[in-house]
Amino acid sequence: MKVDVSSSSPILRMEVDADDFGKLFASMNSEQQIAVLKSMLDHMMPHQMQWDYIAIELEKPENTLTLSRLTSLISGMSNG
């Protein structure tokens, strides 16, 4: 994410959490969203085992809705 900050004093810390990133992603157009998804997949190539850890996290009860929504989205795309 590109951030331009103009300030006369030092900025010691800037934070972006998952919710902030989600809001930014939702505000992007479809081309930008695809570019982000592609970049995420490209950057994960050296870390293939991380997908296993992500899958384990998605199977936890607190992530049931997220897994269900992702599954529905992906299955809907493959049927279209």
C-alpha atoms as a PDB file:
ATOM      1  CA  MET A   1       0.000   0.000   0.000  1.00  0.00           C
ATOM      2  CA  LYS A   2       1.328   3.359  -0.917  1.00  0.00           C
ATOM      3  CA  VAL A   3       1.085   5.931   1.828  1.00  0.00           C
ATOM      4  CA  ASP A   4       2.058   9.571   1.413  1.00  0.00           C
ATOM      5  CA  VAL A   5       2.401  11.509   4.630  1.00  0.00           C
ATOM      6  CA  SER A   6       3.309  15.155   4.932  1.00  0.00           C
ATOM      7  CA  SER A   7       4.427  16.133   8.386  1.00  0.00           C
ATOM      8  CA  SER A   8       6.770  18.585  10.037  1.00  0.00           C
ATOM      9  CA  SER A   9       7.376  16.153  12.890  1.00  0.00           C
ATOM     10  CA  PRO A  10       8.623  12.557  12.801  1.00  0.00           C
ATOM     11  CA  ILE A  11       6.053   9.817  12.446  1.00  0.00           C
ATOM     12  CA  LEU A  12       7.178   7.035  14.722  1.00  0.00           C
ATOM     13  CA  ARG A  13       4.577   4.428  13.884  1.00  0.00           C
ATOM     14  CA  MET A  14       1.777   3.750  11.456  1.00  0.00           C
ATOM     15  CA  GLU A  15      -0.425   0.697  11.705  1.00  0.00           C
ATOM     16  CA  VAL A  16      -2.841  -1.061   9.398  1.00  0.00           C
ATOM     17  CA  ASP A  17      -4.805  -3.950  10.840  1.00  0.00           C
ATOM     18  CA  ALA A  18      -6.745  -6.671   9.024  1.00  0.00           C
ATOM     19  CA  ASP A  19      -9.996  -4.698   9.236  1.00  0.00           C
ATOM     20  CA  ASP A  20      -8.351  -1.606   7.735  1.00  0.00           C
ATOM     21  CA  PHE A  21      -6.949  -3.736   4.918  1.00  0.00           C
ATOM     22  CA  GLY A  22     -10.382  -5.319   4.365  1.00  0.00           C
ATOM     23  CA  LYS A  23     -12.003  -1.888   4.094  1.00  0.00           C
ATOM     24  CA  LEU A  24      -9.337  -0.748   1.647  1.00  0.00           C
ATOM     25  CA  PHE A  25      -9.756  -3.933  -0.414  1.00  0.00           C
ATOM     26  CA  ALA A  26     -13.542  -3.471  -0.501  1.00  0.00           C
ATOM     27  CA  SER A  27     -13.145   0.083  -1.793  1.00  0.00           C
ATOM     28  CA  MET A  28     -10.949  -1.010  -4.724  1.00  0.00           C
ATOM     29  CA  ASN A  29     -12.307  -1.688  -8.169  1.00  0.00           C
ATOM     30  CA  SER A  30     -12.299  -5.262  -9.474  1.00  0.00           C
ATOM     31  CA  GLU A  31      -9.018  -4.815 -11.400  1.00  0.00           C
ATOM     32  CA  GLN A  32      -7.247  -3.624  -8.265  1.00  0.00           C
ATOM     33  CA  GLN A  33      -8.774  -6.430  -6.194  1.00  0.00           C
ATOM     34  CA  ILE A  34      -7.539  -9.038  -8.680  1.00  0.00           C
ATOM     35  CA  ALA A  35      -4.092  -7.414  -8.635  1.00  0.00           C
ATOM     36  CA  VAL A  36      -4.013  -7.712  -4.826  1.00  0.00           C
ATOM     37  CA  LEU A  37      -5.130 -11.358  -4.911  1.00  0.00           C
ATOM     38  CA  LYS A  38      -2.540 -12.149  -7.592  1.00  0.00           C
ATOM     39  CA  SER A  39       0.175 -10.416  -5.593  1.00  0.00           C
ATOM     40  CA  MET A  40      -0.783 -12.344  -2.451  1.00  0.00           C
ATOM     41  CA  LEU A  41      -0.580 -15.638  -4.334  1.00  0.00           C
ATOM     42  CA  ASP A  42       2.728 -14.652  -5.947  1.00  0.00           C
ATOM     43  CA  HIS A  43       4.276 -13.666  -2.610  1.00  0.00           C
ATOM     44  CA  MET A  44       3.051 -16.912  -1.011  1.00  0.00           C
ATOM     45  CA  MET A  45       4.838 -19.084  -3.617  1.00  0.00           C
ATOM     46  CA  PRO A  46       7.970 -19.476  -1.455  1.00  0.00           C
ATOM     47  CA  HIS A  47       5.762 -20.271   1.545  1.00  0.00           C
ATOM     48  CA  GLN A  48       3.527 -23.070   0.255  1.00  0.00           C
ATOM     49  CA  MET A  49       3.330 -24.753   3.676  1.00  0.00           C
ATOM     50  CA  GLN A  50       1.644 -21.616   5.012  1.00  0.00           C
ATOM     51  CA  TRP A  51      -1.506 -22.614   3.068  1.00  0.00           C
ATOM     52  CA  ASP A  52      -1.718 -25.682   5.337  1.00  0.00           C
ATOM     53  CA  TYR A  53      -1.616 -23.438   8.400  1.00  0.00           C
ATOM     54  CA  ILE A  54      -4.235 -21.158   6.886  1.00  0.00           C
ATOM     55  CA  ALA A  55      -6.465 -24.192   6.203  1.00  0.00           C
ATOM     56  CA  ILE A  56      -6.064 -25.323   9.836  1.00  0.00           C
ATOM     57  CA  GLU A  57      -7.032 -21.837  11.057  1.00  0.00           C
ATOM     58  CA  LEU A  58     -10.064 -21.757   8.753  1.00  0.00           C
ATOM     59  CA  GLU A  59     -11.301 -25.036  10.227  1.00  0.00           C
ATOM     60  CA  LYS A  60     -11.468 -23.590  13.750  1.00  0.00           C
ATOM     61  CA  PRO A  61     -15.001 -22.934  15.044  1.00  0.00           C
ATOM     62  CA  GLU A  62     -14.459 -19.166  15.201  1.00  0.00           C
ATOM     63  CA  ASN A  63     -13.734 -19.160  11.452  1.00  0.00           C
ATOM     64  CA  THR A  64     -16.680 -21.309  10.330  1.00  0.00           C
ATOM     65  CA  LEU A  65     -18.519 -18.415   8.677  1.00  0.00           C
ATOM     66  CA  THR A  66     -15.386 -17.243   6.835  1.00  0.00           C
ATOM     67  CA  LEU A  67     -14.695 -20.758   5.543  1.00  0.00           C
ATOM     68  CA  SER A  68     -18.320 -21.163   4.491  1.00  0.00           C
ATOM     69  CA  ARG A  69     -18.328 -17.836   2.639  1.00  0.00           C
ATOM     70  CA  LEU A  70     -15.035 -18.598   0.863  1.00  0.00           C
ATOM     71  CA  THR A  71     -16.230 -22.094  -0.090  1.00  0.00           C
ATOM     72  CA  SER A  72     -19.496 -20.715  -1.447  1.00  0.00           C
ATOM     73  CA  LEU A  73     -17.703 -18.014  -3.406  1.00  0.00           C
ATOM     74  CA  ILE A  74     -15.189 -20.406  -4.967  1.00  0.00           C
ATOM     75  CA  SER A  75     -17.733 -23.120  -5.752  1.00  0.00           C
ATOM     76  CA  GLY A  76     -20.025 -20.505  -7.329  1.00  0.00           C
ATOM     77  CA  MET A  77     -17.202 -19.341  -9.574  1.00  0.00           C
ATOM     78  CA  SER A  78     -16.365 -22.858 -10.774  1.00  0.00           C
ATOM     79  CA  ASN A  79     -20.016 -23.547 -11.657  1.00  0.00           C
ATOM     80  CA  GLY A  80     -20.340 -20.376 -13.734  1.00  0.00           C
END
